Protein backbone atom coordinates (compact mmCIF):
# COMPACT_ATOMS: atom_id res chain seq x y z
CA MET A 1 134.32 103.64 116.32
CA THR A 2 133.46 102.15 119.72
CA ARG A 3 130.49 104.50 119.97
CA VAL A 4 129.02 103.21 116.70
CA THR A 5 129.50 99.61 117.82
CA ARG A 6 127.91 100.40 121.19
CA GLU A 7 124.93 102.08 119.53
CA THR A 8 124.50 99.12 117.23
CA SER A 9 124.68 96.74 120.18
CA THR A 10 122.18 98.87 122.12
CA THR A 11 119.85 98.99 119.14
CA ARG A 12 120.09 95.21 118.71
CA GLU A 13 119.25 94.73 122.40
CA LEU A 14 116.30 97.10 122.05
CA TYR A 15 114.96 95.27 119.01
CA ASP A 16 115.47 91.89 120.67
CA GLU A 17 113.37 93.19 123.57
CA LEU A 18 110.67 94.35 121.14
CA ASP A 19 110.66 90.89 119.56
CA ARG A 20 110.33 89.30 123.01
CA ILE A 21 107.44 91.56 123.95
CA PHE A 22 105.57 90.75 120.76
CA ALA A 23 106.19 87.03 121.03
CA ALA A 24 104.41 87.15 124.40
CA ARG A 25 101.51 89.37 123.37
CA ASP A 26 97.87 88.40 123.65
CA ARG A 27 95.93 90.12 120.89
CA ASP A 28 92.78 89.89 123.03
CA ASP A 29 94.47 91.77 125.90
CA MET A 30 97.02 94.26 124.66
CA ALA A 31 97.33 96.11 127.98
CA PRO A 32 100.39 94.09 129.13
CA THR A 33 102.05 94.63 125.75
CA ILE A 34 101.41 98.37 125.86
CA ALA A 35 102.65 98.47 129.46
CA ALA A 36 105.87 96.73 128.40
CA LEU A 37 106.36 99.09 125.45
CA LEU A 38 105.80 102.39 127.26
CA PRO A 39 109.11 102.35 129.17
CA LEU A 40 110.95 101.57 125.93
CA HIS A 41 109.16 104.48 124.30
CA ALA A 42 110.12 106.75 127.21
CA GLU A 43 113.78 105.72 126.81
CA HIS A 44 113.76 105.86 123.00
CA PRO A 45 111.08 108.41 122.02
CA HIS A 46 112.48 108.90 118.52
CA ASP A 47 113.19 105.30 117.60
CA ALA A 48 111.07 104.58 114.52
CA ARG A 49 110.58 100.90 115.32
CA VAL A 50 109.56 101.57 118.93
CA LEU A 51 107.02 104.11 117.66
CA TYR A 52 105.73 101.66 115.05
CA GLU A 53 105.40 98.76 117.51
CA LEU A 54 103.64 100.96 120.08
CA ALA A 55 101.29 102.21 117.36
CA GLY A 56 100.44 98.65 116.37
CA ALA A 57 99.80 97.69 119.98
CA TYR A 58 97.43 100.61 120.51
CA ASP A 59 95.76 99.85 117.19
CA THR A 60 95.18 96.21 118.13
CA ALA A 61 93.81 97.37 121.49
CA GLY A 62 91.20 99.46 119.68
CA GLU A 63 92.83 102.80 120.46
CA GLU A 64 93.04 103.89 116.84
CA GLU A 65 93.39 107.63 117.45
CA THR A 66 96.46 107.08 119.62
CA ALA A 67 97.86 104.68 117.04
CA LEU A 68 97.45 107.16 114.18
CA GLY A 69 99.79 109.74 115.68
CA LEU A 70 102.39 107.10 116.47
CA TYR A 71 102.24 105.67 112.93
CA GLU A 72 102.85 109.17 111.55
CA ARG A 73 105.79 109.71 113.90
CA ALA A 74 107.30 106.29 113.04
CA THR A 75 107.27 107.15 109.35
CA ALA A 76 108.67 110.65 110.00
CA GLU A 77 111.47 109.20 112.14
CA GLY A 78 112.69 107.18 109.17
CA LEU A 79 111.17 103.72 109.49
CA GLU A 80 112.61 101.67 106.65
CA GLY A 81 112.15 98.51 104.64
CA ASP A 82 109.49 95.97 105.43
CA LEU A 83 108.58 97.72 108.68
CA ARG A 84 107.85 100.89 106.71
CA ARG A 85 105.65 98.93 104.31
CA ARG A 86 103.80 97.33 107.22
CA CYS A 87 103.42 100.71 108.91
CA TYR A 88 101.86 102.17 105.77
CA LEU A 89 99.46 99.23 105.57
CA GLN A 90 98.38 99.44 109.21
CA HIS A 91 98.21 103.25 109.17
CA GLY A 92 96.14 103.30 105.97
CA SER A 93 93.82 100.61 107.27
CA THR A 94 93.32 102.47 110.54
CA LEU A 95 92.57 105.70 108.71
CA ARG A 96 89.86 103.81 106.80
CA ASN A 97 88.51 102.29 110.01
CA VAL A 98 88.08 105.71 111.64
CA GLY A 99 86.29 107.09 108.58
CA ARG A 100 89.19 109.03 107.07
CA VAL A 101 88.87 107.20 103.77
CA GLU A 102 90.37 109.89 101.54
CA ASP A 103 93.41 110.14 103.83
CA SER A 104 93.68 106.36 103.67
CA LEU A 105 93.65 106.40 99.88
CA ALA A 106 96.28 109.16 99.78
CA LEU A 107 98.52 107.18 102.12
CA PHE A 108 98.09 104.01 100.09
CA ALA A 109 98.92 105.91 96.91
CA GLN A 110 102.18 107.07 98.50
CA ALA A 111 102.92 103.59 99.84
CA ARG A 112 102.31 101.94 96.47
CA VAL A 113 104.86 104.28 94.87
CA GLU A 114 107.46 103.18 97.44
CA PHE A 115 106.40 99.51 97.38
CA PRO A 116 104.82 98.87 93.97
CA ASP A 117 105.11 95.10 94.24
CA SER A 118 103.33 94.76 97.59
CA ALA A 119 100.24 92.66 97.16
CA ALA A 120 99.25 93.29 100.78
CA LEU A 121 99.21 97.06 100.27
CA GLY A 122 97.10 96.51 97.16
CA VAL A 123 94.55 94.43 99.06
CA PHE A 124 94.12 97.02 101.78
CA GLU A 125 94.03 99.83 99.24
CA ALA A 126 91.15 97.96 97.57
CA LEU A 127 89.31 97.91 100.90
CA SER A 128 89.71 101.68 101.10
CA LEU A 129 88.52 102.08 97.51
CA HIS A 130 85.43 100.07 98.40
CA ALA A 131 84.86 102.18 101.54
CA ALA A 132 85.16 105.30 99.35
CA GLY A 133 82.20 104.09 97.30
CA ARG A 134 84.32 102.89 94.39
CA PRO A 135 83.47 99.17 94.34
CA SER A 136 84.25 98.67 90.66
CA THR A 137 87.70 100.22 91.06
CA ALA A 138 88.27 98.09 94.17
CA LEU A 139 87.39 94.92 92.29
CA ALA A 140 89.51 96.00 89.32
CA SER A 141 92.52 96.53 91.57
CA LEU A 142 92.06 93.08 93.11
CA LEU A 143 91.82 91.50 89.66
CA LEU A 144 95.09 93.18 88.70
CA LEU A 145 96.70 91.90 91.90
CA LEU A 146 95.64 88.40 90.95
CA ALA A 147 97.01 88.80 87.45
CA ASP A 148 100.28 90.24 88.75
CA HIS A 149 100.90 88.02 91.77
CA VAL A 150 99.21 84.66 91.33
CA GLU A 151 101.00 82.08 89.28
CA SER A 152 98.53 79.41 88.32
CA GLU A 153 98.39 77.38 85.14
CA ASP A 154 94.63 77.66 85.37
CA LEU A 155 94.72 81.48 85.62
CA ASP A 156 97.71 82.23 83.38
CA ARG A 157 95.76 81.49 80.22
CA TYR A 158 93.12 84.06 81.16
CA LYS A 159 95.31 86.88 82.44
CA PRO A 160 94.73 89.05 79.36
CA ALA A 161 90.96 88.72 79.92
CA VAL A 162 91.37 89.43 83.65
CA ARG A 163 93.33 92.58 82.83
CA GLY A 164 90.74 93.64 80.24
CA ASN A 165 87.91 93.17 82.71
CA ALA A 166 89.86 95.12 85.33
CA GLU A 167 90.33 97.99 82.89
CA TYR A 168 86.62 97.99 82.11
CA LEU A 169 85.62 97.89 85.78
CA ALA A 170 87.99 100.72 86.67
CA SER A 171 86.25 102.90 84.08
CA LEU A 172 82.87 102.50 85.82
CA ASP A 173 83.55 104.42 89.05
């Protein structure tokens, strides 16, 4: 029982340190953030959150290829909840950015099964659809996101038409 409590306490301390590191980051100079994360990664090489945060830091620094492997490992190590959703989003976006558009679409398809209500995943999936040369499907998916996630008296009246137009557009690609 003490061991479990100790591990939980250690994990909380680790995650507090991750939060501190990210609160101090400078997105224009990620080198200090990466330098602060590397010792944590060395100490906790299988911690899903450490892997995810290090991936994001490398990604922001423009080191996409390094980030990709870390995103994959974070997911494989059991990243959960909102961090898993965010990892999928960042991983899929990075795959698109390095020209692996079909891999990006496959990842977004998997992510949307796990997180069907995520508007953010839907937006970035639409970017990948556009990059794949499917602009009508991309626009259709964004229209459906609007219909599903935007509550507006002005829009509510027209949601059936928005959905109909989305269906039509999706049939064009």
